[in-house]
Amino acid sequence: MLVEQRVWHQIANGDKNVYALVYRDLFSRFFNHGRKFTSDTLLIEDAAQEALCYCGKAEANSTGLKTWKLIFIQFTAII
């Protein structure tokens, strides 16, 4: 199993520590990406949080969302 798959598997199994690490890492990436589209930092923060919370819920519900790249696409659509 690839590292990324193991990480998503741990999140799906409710590992809040792994989710927190992934959240912090992706949040900063999303925030920096969002700055390319708008200077509204509150909008960027809200969009990043919404996309990442969706990720956690999708994994918990086993909907098959298995990659941060899909979350990134959703984030870009939100902003």
N, C-alpha and C. Protein backbone atom coordinates (compact mmCIF):
# COMPACT_ATOMS: atom_id res chain seq x y z
N MET A 1 0.84 -1.18 0.00
CA MET A 1 0.00 0.00 0.00
C MET A 1 0.89 1.25 0.00
N LEU A 2 0.59 2.18 -0.88
CA LEU A 2 1.35 3.41 -0.95
C LEU A 2 1.13 4.26 0.30
N VAL A 3 2.08 5.14 0.56
CA VAL A 3 1.99 5.99 1.75
C VAL A 3 0.70 6.80 1.73
N GLU A 4 0.37 7.40 0.58
CA GLU A 4 -0.84 8.22 0.50
C GLU A 4 -2.08 7.38 0.79
N GLN A 5 -2.12 6.16 0.29
CA GLN A 5 -3.27 5.29 0.55
C GLN A 5 -3.36 4.94 2.03
N ARG A 6 -2.22 4.70 2.67
CA ARG A 6 -2.23 4.39 4.10
C ARG A 6 -2.76 5.57 4.90
N VAL A 7 -2.32 6.76 4.51
CA VAL A 7 -2.77 7.97 5.22
C VAL A 7 -4.27 8.10 5.13
N TRP A 8 -4.85 7.97 3.91
CA TRP A 8 -6.30 8.10 3.75
C TRP A 8 -7.02 6.98 4.48
N HIS A 9 -6.42 5.80 4.51
CA HIS A 9 -7.02 4.68 5.24
C HIS A 9 -7.08 5.00 6.74
N GLN A 10 -6.00 5.58 7.27
CA GLN A 10 -5.98 5.95 8.69
C GLN A 10 -7.03 7.02 8.98
N ILE A 11 -7.18 7.97 8.08
CA ILE A 11 -8.20 9.01 8.26
C ILE A 11 -9.59 8.37 8.25
N ALA A 12 -9.81 7.46 7.31
CA ALA A 12 -11.11 6.79 7.22
C ALA A 12 -11.41 5.99 8.47
N ASN A 13 -10.36 5.52 9.15
CA ASN A 13 -10.54 4.76 10.38
C ASN A 13 -10.58 5.65 11.62
N GLY A 14 -10.64 6.96 11.40
CA GLY A 14 -10.84 7.89 12.50
C GLY A 14 -9.59 8.38 13.21
N ASP A 15 -8.42 8.24 12.59
CA ASP A 15 -7.19 8.71 13.21
C ASP A 15 -7.12 10.23 13.11
N LYS A 16 -7.50 10.89 14.19
CA LYS A 16 -7.57 12.35 14.20
C LYS A 16 -6.18 13.00 14.14
N ASN A 17 -5.17 12.32 14.65
CA ASN A 17 -3.81 12.87 14.59
C ASN A 17 -3.30 12.94 13.15
N VAL A 18 -3.54 11.89 12.39
CA VAL A 18 -3.13 11.88 10.99
C VAL A 18 -3.93 12.93 10.22
N TYR A 19 -5.23 13.00 10.48
CA TYR A 19 -6.07 14.00 9.81
C TYR A 19 -5.56 15.41 10.11
N ALA A 20 -5.17 15.68 11.35
CA ALA A 20 -4.66 17.00 11.73
C ALA A 20 -3.38 17.33 10.97
N LEU A 21 -2.49 16.36 10.82
CA LEU A 21 -1.25 16.58 10.07
C LEU A 21 -1.54 16.89 8.61
N VAL A 22 -2.41 16.10 8.02
CA VAL A 22 -2.77 16.32 6.62
C VAL A 22 -3.48 17.66 6.46
N TYR A 23 -4.37 17.97 7.38
CA TYR A 23 -5.11 19.24 7.34
C TYR A 23 -4.15 20.42 7.34
N ARG A 24 -3.20 20.42 8.27
CA ARG A 24 -2.25 21.54 8.36
C ARG A 24 -1.41 21.67 7.09
N ASP A 25 -0.95 20.54 6.57
CA ASP A 25 -0.12 20.57 5.36
C ASP A 25 -0.91 21.08 4.17
N LEU A 26 -2.09 20.53 3.95
CA LEU A 26 -2.89 20.93 2.80
C LEU A 26 -3.46 22.34 2.94
N PHE A 27 -3.79 22.73 4.17
CA PHE A 27 -4.34 24.07 4.37
C PHE A 27 -3.36 25.12 3.87
N SER A 28 -2.08 24.98 4.21
CA SER A 28 -1.10 25.97 3.76
C SER A 28 -0.94 25.95 2.25
N ARG A 29 -1.00 24.78 1.65
CA ARG A 29 -0.91 24.69 0.18
C ARG A 29 -2.12 25.37 -0.46
N PHE A 30 -3.30 25.08 0.08
CA PHE A 30 -4.51 25.67 -0.47
C PHE A 30 -4.52 27.18 -0.29
N PHE A 31 -4.08 27.64 0.87
CA PHE A 31 -4.06 29.07 1.13
C PHE A 31 -3.16 29.78 0.12
N ASN A 32 -1.97 29.24 -0.09
CA ASN A 32 -1.04 29.85 -1.05
C ASN A 32 -1.62 29.83 -2.46
N HIS A 33 -2.28 28.76 -2.82
CA HIS A 33 -2.90 28.66 -4.14
C HIS A 33 -4.05 29.67 -4.27
N GLY A 34 -4.85 29.79 -3.24
CA GLY A 34 -5.97 30.71 -3.25
C GLY A 34 -5.56 32.16 -3.44
N ARG A 35 -4.37 32.50 -2.97
CA ARG A 35 -3.88 33.88 -3.12
C ARG A 35 -3.69 34.26 -4.58
N LYS A 36 -3.59 33.26 -5.46
CA LYS A 36 -3.47 33.53 -6.89
C LYS A 36 -4.78 34.05 -7.47
N PHE A 37 -5.89 33.75 -6.80
CA PHE A 37 -7.20 34.10 -7.32
C PHE A 37 -7.83 35.31 -6.65
N THR A 38 -7.49 35.51 -5.37
CA THR A 38 -8.11 36.61 -4.63
C THR A 38 -7.20 37.04 -3.48
N SER A 39 -7.36 38.27 -3.07
CA SER A 39 -6.63 38.75 -1.90
C SER A 39 -7.49 38.65 -0.64
N ASP A 40 -8.70 38.16 -0.78
CA ASP A 40 -9.63 38.02 0.34
C ASP A 40 -9.23 36.80 1.17
N THR A 41 -8.44 37.03 2.21
CA THR A 41 -7.91 35.92 2.99
C THR A 41 -8.99 35.15 3.75
N LEU A 42 -10.05 35.84 4.15
CA LEU A 42 -11.15 35.14 4.82
C LEU A 42 -11.84 34.17 3.88
N LEU A 43 -12.03 34.57 2.63
CA LEU A 43 -12.63 33.69 1.63
C LEU A 43 -11.73 32.47 1.40
N ILE A 44 -10.44 32.71 1.28
CA ILE A 44 -9.50 31.61 1.06
C ILE A 44 -9.53 30.63 2.24
N GLU A 45 -9.50 31.17 3.44
CA GLU A 45 -9.52 30.32 4.63
C GLU A 45 -10.81 29.50 4.70
N ASP A 46 -11.94 30.15 4.43
CA ASP A 46 -13.23 29.45 4.45
C ASP A 46 -13.28 28.34 3.40
N ALA A 47 -12.81 28.66 2.19
CA ALA A 47 -12.84 27.67 1.11
C ALA A 47 -11.93 26.49 1.43
N ALA A 48 -10.75 26.77 1.96
CA ALA A 48 -9.82 25.69 2.32
C ALA A 48 -10.42 24.82 3.42
N GLN A 49 -11.00 25.45 4.42
CA GLN A 49 -11.59 24.69 5.52
C GLN A 49 -12.76 23.84 5.01
N GLU A 50 -13.59 24.41 4.16
CA GLU A 50 -14.73 23.65 3.63
C GLU A 50 -14.26 22.43 2.83
N ALA A 51 -13.28 22.63 1.97
CA ALA A 51 -12.77 21.52 1.16
C ALA A 51 -12.14 20.44 2.03
N LEU A 52 -11.39 20.84 3.04
CA LEU A 52 -10.72 19.87 3.90
C LEU A 52 -11.70 19.16 4.84
N CYS A 53 -12.71 19.86 5.29
CA CYS A 53 -13.74 19.20 6.11
C CYS A 53 -14.51 18.20 5.27
N TYR A 54 -14.77 18.55 4.01
CA TYR A 54 -15.43 17.62 3.10
C TYR A 54 -14.58 16.36 2.96
N CYS A 55 -13.28 16.55 2.86
CA CYS A 55 -12.36 15.42 2.75
C CYS A 55 -12.51 14.49 3.93
N GLY A 56 -12.50 15.02 5.13
CA GLY A 56 -12.63 14.20 6.33
C GLY A 56 -13.95 13.46 6.37
N LYS A 57 -15.03 14.15 6.00
CA LYS A 57 -16.35 13.51 5.99
C LYS A 57 -16.43 12.43 4.93
N ALA A 58 -15.86 12.70 3.76
CA ALA A 58 -15.90 11.72 2.68
C ALA A 58 -15.15 10.46 3.07
N GLU A 59 -14.00 10.62 3.69
CA GLU A 59 -13.23 9.46 4.12
C GLU A 59 -13.96 8.70 5.22
N ALA A 60 -14.54 9.43 6.15
CA ALA A 60 -15.26 8.78 7.25
C ALA A 60 -16.45 7.99 6.73
N ASN A 61 -17.06 8.49 5.66
CA ASN A 61 -18.21 7.81 5.07
C ASN A 61 -17.82 6.84 3.97
N SER A 62 -16.51 6.70 3.73
CA SER A 62 -15.98 5.79 2.70
C SER A 62 -16.60 6.04 1.34
N THR A 63 -16.63 7.31 0.92
CA THR A 63 -17.19 7.62 -0.39
C THR A 63 -16.16 7.47 -1.50
N GLY A 64 -14.95 7.14 -1.15
CA GLY A 64 -13.96 6.87 -2.17
C GLY A 64 -13.06 8.04 -2.52
N LEU A 65 -13.16 9.15 -1.82
CA LEU A 65 -12.27 10.27 -2.07
C LEU A 65 -10.91 9.90 -1.52
N LYS A 66 -9.95 9.64 -2.38
CA LYS A 66 -8.69 9.06 -1.94
C LYS A 66 -7.47 9.93 -2.23
N THR A 67 -7.63 11.11 -2.71
CA THR A 67 -6.47 11.89 -3.06
C THR A 67 -6.67 13.37 -2.77
N TRP A 68 -5.61 14.00 -2.31
CA TRP A 68 -5.69 15.43 -2.03
C TRP A 68 -5.90 16.22 -3.30
N LYS A 69 -5.55 15.65 -4.45
CA LYS A 69 -5.71 16.36 -5.72
C LYS A 69 -7.19 16.61 -6.01
N LEU A 70 -8.04 15.66 -5.67
CA LEU A 70 -9.48 15.88 -5.86
C LEU A 70 -10.00 16.96 -4.93
N ILE A 71 -9.47 17.00 -3.73
CA ILE A 71 -9.87 18.03 -2.78
C ILE A 71 -9.41 19.39 -3.29
N PHE A 72 -8.23 19.43 -3.87
CA PHE A 72 -7.67 20.66 -4.41
C PHE A 72 -8.56 21.20 -5.52
N ILE A 73 -9.06 20.32 -6.37
CA ILE A 73 -9.98 20.73 -7.44
C ILE A 73 -11.25 21.32 -6.85
N GLN A 74 -11.78 20.69 -5.80
CA GLN A 74 -12.98 21.21 -5.15
C GLN A 74 -12.69 22.59 -4.56
N PHE A 75 -11.55 22.74 -3.90
CA PHE A 75 -11.17 24.01 -3.31
C PHE A 75 -11.14 25.10 -4.36
N THR A 76 -10.52 24.83 -5.50
CA THR A 76 -10.42 25.82 -6.56
C THR A 76 -11.82 26.20 -7.05
N ALA A 77 -12.72 25.24 -7.10
CA ALA A 77 -14.09 25.54 -7.53
C ALA A 77 -14.82 26.43 -6.53
N ILE A 78 -14.51 26.27 -5.25
CA ILE A 78 -15.18 27.06 -4.21
C ILE A 78 -14.78 28.52 -4.30
N ILE A 79 -13.49 28.79 -4.50
CA ILE A 79 -13.07 30.18 -4.56
C ILE A 79 -13.30 30.69 -5.95
